[in-house]
């Protein structure tokens, strides 16, 4: 059963992001969640974290939407 008032967008957030219409919230959960992935895709992982956050913050500002970002526990270390 789909959630009402919720749409999922699959997009490379390291590139410009455009969504037509209004947005209330933007949830940025785009990051590999495995140390193996980090080692295999270090540049892509950094781009998602930095450029992706920058692009989505721009979208949130444009749409006057609240912005939620989540990371994996890997950012905190051992």
PDB file of N, CA and C in Angstrom:
ATOM      1  N   UNK A   1       0.829  -1.169   0.000  1.00  0.00           N
ATOM      2  CA  UNK A   1       0.000   0.000   0.000  1.00  0.00           C
ATOM      3  C   UNK A   1       0.888   1.252   0.000  1.00  0.00           C
ATOM      4  N   UNK A   2       0.779   2.115  -0.998  1.00  0.00           N
ATOM      5  CA  UNK A   2       1.615   3.315  -1.051  1.00  0.00           C
ATOM      6  C   UNK A   2       1.228   4.320   0.032  1.00  0.00           C
ATOM      7  N   UNK A   3       2.205   5.074   0.481  1.00  0.00           N
ATOM      8  CA  UNK A   3       1.934   6.123   1.461  1.00  0.00           C
ATOM      9  C   UNK A   3       1.341   7.332   0.765  1.00  0.00           C
ATOM     10  N   UNK A   4       0.330   7.889   1.343  1.00  0.00           N
ATOM     11  CA  UNK A   4      -0.259   9.098   0.781  1.00  0.00           C
ATOM     12  C   UNK A   4       0.717  10.265   0.964  1.00  0.00           C
ATOM     13  N   UNK A   5       0.724  11.160   0.004  1.00  0.00           N
ATOM     14  CA  UNK A   5       1.556  12.362   0.071  1.00  0.00           C
ATOM     15  C   UNK A   5       3.045  12.063   0.147  1.00  0.00           C
ATOM     16  N   UNK A   6       3.474  10.937  -0.397  1.00  0.00           N
ATOM     17  CA  UNK A   6       4.891  10.591  -0.406  1.00  0.00           C
ATOM     18  C   UNK A   6       5.281  10.141  -1.803  1.00  0.00           C
ATOM     19  N   UNK A   7       6.374  10.697  -2.306  1.00  0.00           N
ATOM     20  CA  UNK A   7       6.929  10.258  -3.581  1.00  0.00           C
ATOM     21  C   UNK A   7       8.406   9.996  -3.393  1.00  0.00           C
ATOM     22  N   UNK A   8       8.869   8.909  -3.951  1.00  0.00           N
ATOM     23  CA  UNK A   8      10.282   8.550  -3.910  1.00  0.00           C
ATOM     24  C   UNK A   8      10.901   8.896  -5.254  1.00  0.00           C
ATOM     25  N   UNK A   9      12.019   9.617  -5.229  1.00  0.00           N
ATOM     26  CA  UNK A   9      12.753   9.948  -6.446  1.00  0.00           C
ATOM     27  C   UNK A   9      14.105   9.279  -6.388  1.00  0.00           C
ATOM     28  N   UNK A  10      14.426   8.524  -7.408  1.00  0.00           N
ATOM     29  CA  UNK A  10      15.740   7.898  -7.532  1.00  0.00           C
ATOM     30  C   UNK A  10      16.540   8.758  -8.497  1.00  0.00           C
ATOM     31  N   UNK A  11      17.577   9.425  -7.995  1.00  0.00           N
ATOM     32  CA  UNK A  11      18.312  10.392  -8.804  1.00  0.00           C
ATOM     33  C   UNK A  11      19.751  10.460  -8.325  1.00  0.00           C
ATOM     34  N   UNK A  12      20.677  10.735  -9.240  1.00  0.00           N
ATOM     35  CA  UNK A  12      22.073  10.975  -8.870  1.00  0.00           C
ATOM     36  C   UNK A  12      22.159  12.392  -8.320  1.00  0.00           C
ATOM     37  N   UNK A  13      22.168  12.532  -7.006  1.00  0.00           N
ATOM     38  CA  UNK A  13      22.113  13.850  -6.385  1.00  0.00           C
ATOM     39  C   UNK A  13      23.418  14.630  -6.522  1.00  0.00           C
ATOM     40  N   UNK A  14      24.473  13.982  -7.020  1.00  0.00           N
ATOM     41  CA  UNK A  14      25.704  14.737  -7.270  1.00  0.00           C
ATOM     42  C   UNK A  14      25.555  15.600  -8.520  1.00  0.00           C
ATOM     43  N   UNK A  15      24.456  15.436  -9.229  1.00  0.00           N
ATOM     44  CA  UNK A  15      24.105  16.266 -10.381  1.00  0.00           C
ATOM     45  C   UNK A  15      22.906  17.143 -10.001  1.00  0.00           C
ATOM     46  N   UNK A  16      22.660  18.185 -10.785  1.00  0.00           N
ATOM     47  CA  UNK A  16      21.558  19.114 -10.525  1.00  0.00           C
ATOM     48  C   UNK A  16      20.254  18.342 -10.311  1.00  0.00           C
ATOM     49  N   UNK A  17      19.458  18.785  -9.358  1.00  0.00           N
ATOM     50  CA  UNK A  17      18.186  18.135  -9.038  1.00  0.00           C
ATOM     51  C   UNK A  17      17.041  19.124  -9.271  1.00  0.00           C
ATOM     52  N   UNK A  18      16.066  18.715 -10.059  1.00  0.00           N
ATOM     53  CA  UNK A  18      14.860  19.522 -10.248  1.00  0.00           C
ATOM     54  C   UNK A  18      13.643  18.637 -10.019  1.00  0.00           C
ATOM     55  N   UNK A  19      12.723  19.140  -9.257  1.00  0.00           N
ATOM     56  CA  UNK A  19      11.451  18.461  -9.018  1.00  0.00           C
ATOM     57  C   UNK A  19      10.361  19.496  -9.249  1.00  0.00           C
ATOM     58  N   UNK A  20       9.431  19.199 -10.133  1.00  0.00           N
ATOM     59  CA  UNK A  20       8.346  20.148 -10.371  1.00  0.00           C
ATOM     60  C   UNK A  20       7.328  20.076  -9.245  1.00  0.00           C
ATOM     61  N   UNK A  21       6.626  21.158  -9.059  1.00  0.00           N
ATOM     62  CA  UNK A  21       5.610  21.192  -8.013  1.00  0.00           C
ATOM     63  C   UNK A  21       6.198  21.567  -6.669  1.00  0.00           C
ATOM     64  N   UNK A  22       5.358  21.490  -5.661  1.00  0.00           N
ATOM     65  CA  UNK A  22       5.789  21.885  -4.317  1.00  0.00           C
ATOM     66  C   UNK A  22       6.348  20.688  -3.547  1.00  0.00           C
ATOM     67  N   UNK A  23       7.178  20.989  -2.596  1.00  0.00           N
ATOM     68  CA  UNK A  23       7.756  19.979  -1.704  1.00  0.00           C
ATOM     69  C   UNK A  23       7.659  20.481  -0.273  1.00  0.00           C
ATOM     70  N   UNK A  24       7.337  19.595   0.634  1.00  0.00           N
ATOM     71  CA  UNK A  24       7.328  19.952   2.051  1.00  0.00           C
ATOM     72  C   UNK A  24       8.633  19.545   2.730  1.00  0.00           C
ATOM     73  N   UNK A  25       9.124  18.367   2.368  1.00  0.00           N
ATOM     74  CA  UNK A  25      10.338  17.817   2.982  1.00  0.00           C
ATOM     75  C   UNK A  25      11.217  17.202   1.906  1.00  0.00           C
ATOM     76  N   UNK A  26      12.513  17.285   2.127  1.00  0.00           N
ATOM     77  CA  UNK A  26      13.479  16.566   1.307  1.00  0.00           C
ATOM     78  C   UNK A  26      14.303  15.730   2.273  1.00  0.00           C
ATOM     79  N   UNK A  27      14.335  14.435   2.048  1.00  0.00           N
ATOM     80  CA  UNK A  27      15.108  13.525   2.891  1.00  0.00           C
ATOM     81  C   UNK A  27      16.282  13.008   2.078  1.00  0.00           C
ATOM     82  N   UNK A  28      17.478  13.361   2.511  1.00  0.00           N
ATOM     83  CA  UNK A  28      18.714  12.989   1.803  1.00  0.00           C
ATOM     84  C   UNK A  28      19.335  11.775   2.504  1.00  0.00           C
ATOM     85  N   UNK A  29      19.098  10.606   1.932  1.00  0.00           N
ATOM     86  CA  UNK A  29      19.653   9.366   2.470  1.00  0.00           C
ATOM     87  C   UNK A  29      20.587   8.716   1.461  1.00  0.00           C
ATOM     88  N   UNK A  30      21.130   9.501   0.534  1.00  0.00           N
ATOM     89  CA  UNK A  30      21.901   8.953  -0.574  1.00  0.00           C
ATOM     90  C   UNK A  30      23.360   8.756  -0.186  1.00  0.00           C
ATOM     91  N   UNK A  31      23.692   7.571   0.225  1.00  0.00           N
ATOM     92  CA  UNK A  31      25.083   7.230   0.488  1.00  0.00           C
ATOM     93  C   UNK A  31      25.213   5.721   0.601  1.00  0.00           C
ATOM     94  N   UNK A  32      26.297   5.181   0.065  1.00  0.00           N
ATOM     95  CA  UNK A  32      26.539   3.755   0.301  1.00  0.00           C
ATOM     96  C   UNK A  32      26.699   3.537   1.807  1.00  0.00           C
ATOM     97  N   UNK A  33      26.251   2.416   2.283  1.00  0.00           N
ATOM     98  CA  UNK A  33      26.277   2.166   3.729  1.00  0.00           C
ATOM     99  C   UNK A  33      27.230   1.046   4.106  1.00  0.00           C
ATOM    100  N   UNK A  34      28.258   0.861   3.336  1.00  0.00           N
ATOM    101  CA  UNK A  34      29.169  -0.244   3.595  1.00  0.00           C
ATOM    102  C   UNK A  34      30.616   0.204   3.417  1.00  0.00           C
ATOM    103  N   UNK A  35      31.491  -0.121   4.367  1.00  0.00           N
ATOM    104  CA  UNK A  35      32.906   0.219   4.210  1.00  0.00           C
ATOM    105  C   UNK A  35      33.505  -0.373   2.928  1.00  0.00           C
ATOM    106  N   UNK A  36      33.007  -1.502   2.494  1.00  0.00           N
ATOM    107  CA  UNK A  36      33.485  -2.094   1.237  1.00  0.00           C
ATOM    108  C   UNK A  36      33.145  -1.171   0.075  1.00  0.00           C
ATOM    109  N   UNK A  37      31.917  -0.645   0.073  1.00  0.00           N
ATOM    110  CA  UNK A  37      31.518   0.302  -0.974  1.00  0.00           C
ATOM    111  C   UNK A  37      32.361   1.568  -0.919  1.00  0.00           C
ATOM    112  N   UNK A  38      32.652   2.062   0.282  1.00  0.00           N
ATOM    113  CA  UNK A  38      33.462   3.274   0.412  1.00  0.00           C
ATOM    114  C   UNK A  38      34.822   3.073  -0.253  1.00  0.00           C
ATOM    115  N   UNK A  39      35.401   1.910  -0.040  1.00  0.00           N
ATOM    116  CA  UNK A  39      36.715   1.635  -0.617  1.00  0.00           C
ATOM    117  C   UNK A  39      36.654   1.458  -2.126  1.00  0.00           C
ATOM    118  N   UNK A  40      35.564   0.906  -2.629  1.00  0.00           N
ATOM    119  CA  UNK A  40      35.423   0.688  -4.063  1.00  0.00           C
ATOM    120  C   UNK A  40      34.976   1.951  -4.802  1.00  0.00           C
ATOM    121  N   UNK A  41      34.282   2.857  -4.124  1.00  0.00           N
ATOM    122  CA  UNK A  41      33.735   4.059  -4.770  1.00  0.00           C
ATOM    123  C   UNK A  41      34.007   5.307  -3.917  1.00  0.00           C
ATOM    124  N   UNK A  42      35.275   5.608  -3.623  1.00  0.00           N
ATOM    125  CA  UNK A  42      35.533   6.716  -2.698  1.00  0.00           C
ATOM    126  C   UNK A  42      35.118   8.086  -3.250  1.00  0.00           C
ATOM    127  N   UNK A  43      35.369   8.355  -4.518  1.00  0.00           N
ATOM    128  CA  UNK A  43      35.027   9.657  -5.092  1.00  0.00           C
ATOM    129  C   UNK A  43      33.514   9.829  -5.182  1.00  0.00           C
ATOM    130  N   UNK A  44      32.814   8.784  -5.641  1.00  0.00           N
ATOM    131  CA  UNK A  44      31.359   8.853  -5.739  1.00  0.00           C
ATOM    132  C   UNK A  44      30.729   9.069  -4.361  1.00  0.00           C
ATOM    133  N   UNK A  45      31.284   8.411  -3.347  1.00  0.00           N
ATOM    134  CA  UNK A  45      30.773   8.556  -1.991  1.00  0.00           C
ATOM    135  C   UNK A  45      30.942   9.995  -1.508  1.00  0.00           C
ATOM    136  N   UNK A  46      32.106  10.580  -1.782  1.00  0.00           N
ATOM    137  CA  UNK A  46      32.343  11.970  -1.392  1.00  0.00           C
ATOM    138  C   UNK A  46      31.436  12.933  -2.153  1.00  0.00           C
ATOM    139  N   UNK A  47      31.212  12.654  -3.443  1.00  0.00           N
ATOM    140  CA  UNK A  47      30.336  13.514  -4.241  1.00  0.00           C
ATOM    141  C   UNK A  47      28.903  13.483  -3.733  1.00  0.00           C
ATOM    142  N   UNK A  48      28.417  12.304  -3.398  1.00  0.00           N
ATOM    143  CA  UNK A  48      27.051  12.194  -2.873  1.00  0.00           C
ATOM    144  C   UNK A  48      26.920  12.994  -1.580  1.00  0.00           C
ATOM    145  N   UNK A  49      27.934  12.881  -0.727  1.00  0.00           N
ATOM    146  CA  UNK A  49      27.880  13.586   0.546  1.00  0.00           C
ATOM    147  C   UNK A  49      27.996  15.092   0.404  1.00  0.00           C
ATOM    148  N   UNK A  50      28.912  15.558  -0.431  1.00  0.00           N
ATOM    149  CA  UNK A  50      29.141  17.000  -0.541  1.00  0.00           C
ATOM    150  C   UNK A  50      28.274  17.654  -1.612  1.00  0.00           C
ATOM    151  N   UNK A  51      28.443  17.266  -2.869  1.00  0.00           N
ATOM    152  CA  UNK A  51      27.651  17.866  -3.946  1.00  0.00           C
ATOM    153  C   UNK A  51      26.174  17.543  -3.800  1.00  0.00           C
ATOM    154  N   UNK A  52      25.875  16.323  -3.381  1.00  0.00           N
ATOM    155  CA  UNK A  52      24.480  15.937  -3.190  1.00  0.00           C
ATOM    156  C   UNK A  52      23.800  16.787  -2.140  1.00  0.00           C
ATOM    157  N   UNK A  53      24.478  17.016  -1.024  1.00  0.00           N
ATOM    158  CA  UNK A  53      23.920  17.859   0.021  1.00  0.00           C
ATOM    159  C   UNK A  53      23.756  19.289  -0.480  1.00  0.00           C
ATOM    160  N   UNK A  54      24.758  19.801  -1.175  1.00  0.00           N
ATOM    161  CA  UNK A  54      24.684  21.154  -1.745  1.00  0.00           C
ATOM    162  C   UNK A  54      23.498  21.284  -2.701  1.00  0.00           C
ATOM    163  N   UNK A  55      23.355  20.338  -3.616  1.00  0.00           N
ATOM    164  CA  UNK A  55      22.261  20.386  -4.593  1.00  0.00           C
ATOM    165  C   UNK A  55      20.894  20.285  -3.937  1.00  0.00           C
ATOM    166  N   UNK A  56      20.765  19.405  -2.963  1.00  0.00           N
ATOM    167  CA  UNK A  56      19.470  19.243  -2.310  1.00  0.00           C
ATOM    168  C   UNK A  56      19.131  20.403  -1.381  1.00  0.00           C
ATOM    169  N   UNK A  57      20.146  21.018  -0.783  1.00  0.00           N
ATOM    170  CA  UNK A  57      19.882  22.222   0.011  1.00  0.00           C
ATOM    171  C   UNK A  57      19.388  23.352  -0.892  1.00  0.00           C
ATOM    172  N   UNK A  58      19.965  23.434  -2.104  1.00  0.00           N
ATOM    173  CA  UNK A  58      19.491  24.422  -3.074  1.00  0.00           C
ATOM    174  C   UNK A  58      18.047  24.181  -3.451  1.00  0.00           C
ATOM    175  N   UNK A  59      17.696  22.921  -3.654  1.00  0.00           N
ATOM    176  CA  UNK A  59      16.314  22.570  -3.977  1.00  0.00           C
ATOM    177  C   UNK A  59      15.391  22.898  -2.798  1.00  0.00           C
ATOM    178  N   UNK A  60      15.835  22.593  -1.597  1.00  0.00           N
ATOM    179  CA  UNK A  60      15.030  22.891  -0.407  1.00  0.00           C
ATOM    180  C   UNK A  60      14.810  24.389  -0.269  1.00  0.00           C
ATOM    181  N   UNK A  61      15.845  25.161  -0.537  1.00  0.00           N
ATOM    182  CA  UNK A  61      15.713  26.621  -0.460  1.00  0.00           C
ATOM    183  C   UNK A  61      14.721  27.122  -1.507  1.00  0.00           C
ATOM    184  N   UNK A  62      14.860  26.623  -2.737  1.00  0.00           N
ATOM    185  CA  UNK A  62      13.961  27.022  -3.821  1.00  0.00           C
ATOM    186  C   UNK A  62      12.507  26.688  -3.499  1.00  0.00           C
ATOM    187  N   UNK A  63      12.284  25.512  -2.927  1.00  0.00           N
ATOM    188  CA  UNK A  63      10.924  25.037  -2.660  1.00  0.00           C
ATOM    189  C   UNK A  63      10.416  25.403  -1.272  1.00  0.00           C
ATOM    190  N   UNK A  64      11.274  26.048  -0.471  1.00  0.00           N
ATOM    191  CA  UNK A  64      10.937  26.363   0.924  1.00  0.00           C
ATOM    192  C   UNK A  64      10.536  25.087   1.676  1.00  0.00           C
ATOM    193  N   UNK A  65      11.322  24.037   1.453  1.00  0.00           N
ATOM    194  CA  UNK A  65      11.055  22.732   2.060  1.00  0.00           C
ATOM    195  C   UNK A  65      12.011  22.493   3.225  1.00  0.00           C
ATOM    196  N   UNK A  66      11.578  21.712   4.169  1.00  0.00           N
ATOM    197  CA  UNK A  66      12.463  21.287   5.262  1.00  0.00           C
ATOM    198  C   UNK A  66      13.410  20.220   4.721  1.00  0.00           C
ATOM    199  N   UNK A  67      14.629  20.210   5.253  1.00  0.00           N
ATOM    200  CA  UNK A  67      15.672  19.317   4.754  1.00  0.00           C
ATOM    201  C   UNK A  67      16.105  18.375   5.871  1.00  0.00           C
ATOM    202  N   UNK A  68      16.097  17.089   5.573  1.00  0.00           N
ATOM    203  CA  UNK A  68      16.509  16.064   6.532  1.00  0.00           C
ATOM    204  C   UNK A  68      17.640  15.278   5.897  1.00  0.00           C
ATOM    205  N   UNK A  69      18.760  15.179   6.594  1.00  0.00           N
ATOM    206  CA  UNK A  69      19.886  14.396   6.088  1.00  0.00           C
ATOM    207  C   UNK A  69      20.220  13.315   7.112  1.00  0.00           C
ATOM    208  N   UNK A  70      20.555  12.154   6.614  1.00  0.00           N
ATOM    209  CA  UNK A  70      20.941  11.036   7.474  1.00  0.00           C
ATOM    210  C   UNK A  70      22.233  10.458   6.959  1.00  0.00           C
ATOM    211  N   UNK A  71      23.014   9.948   7.852  1.00  0.00           N
ATOM    212  CA  UNK A  71      24.263   9.307   7.459  1.00  0.00           C
ATOM    213  C   UNK A  71      24.338   7.941   8.117  1.00  0.00           C
ATOM    214  N   UNK A  72      25.323   7.184   7.713  1.00  0.00           N
ATOM    215  CA  UNK A  72      25.531   5.883   8.338  1.00  0.00           C
ATOM    216  C   UNK A  72      26.418   6.070   9.565  1.00  0.00           C
ATOM    217  N   UNK A  73      26.500   5.070  10.388  1.00  0.00           N
ATOM    218  CA  UNK A  73      27.344   5.153  11.585  1.00  0.00           C
ATOM    219  C   UNK A  73      28.829   5.225  11.214  1.00  0.00           C
ATOM    220  N   UNK A  74      29.182   4.937   9.980  1.00  0.00           N
ATOM    221  CA  UNK A  74      30.580   4.965   9.565  1.00  0.00           C
ATOM    222  C   UNK A  74      31.212   6.342   9.727  1.00  0.00           C
ATOM    223  N   UNK A  75      30.427   7.415   9.647  1.00  0.00           N
ATOM    224  CA  UNK A  75      31.014   8.751   9.774  1.00  0.00           C
ATOM    225  C   UNK A  75      31.552   9.000  11.173  1.00  0.00           C
ATOM    226  N   UNK A  76      31.125   8.218  12.156  1.00  0.00           N
ATOM    227  CA  UNK A  76      31.549   8.431  13.523  1.00  0.00           C
ATOM    228  C   UNK A  76      32.784   7.613  13.893  1.00  0.00           C
ATOM    229  N   UNK A  77      33.189   6.688  13.062  1.00  0.00           N
ATOM    230  CA  UNK A  77      34.361   5.870  13.333  1.00  0.00           C
ATOM    231  C   UNK A  77      34.057   4.746  14.293  1.00  0.00           C
ATOM    232  N   UNK A  78      35.094   4.082  14.734  1.00  0.00           N
ATOM    233  CA  UNK A  78      34.932   2.935  15.629  1.00  0.00           C
ATOM    234  C   UNK A  78      34.593   3.339  17.054  1.00  0.00           C
TER     235      UNK A  78
END
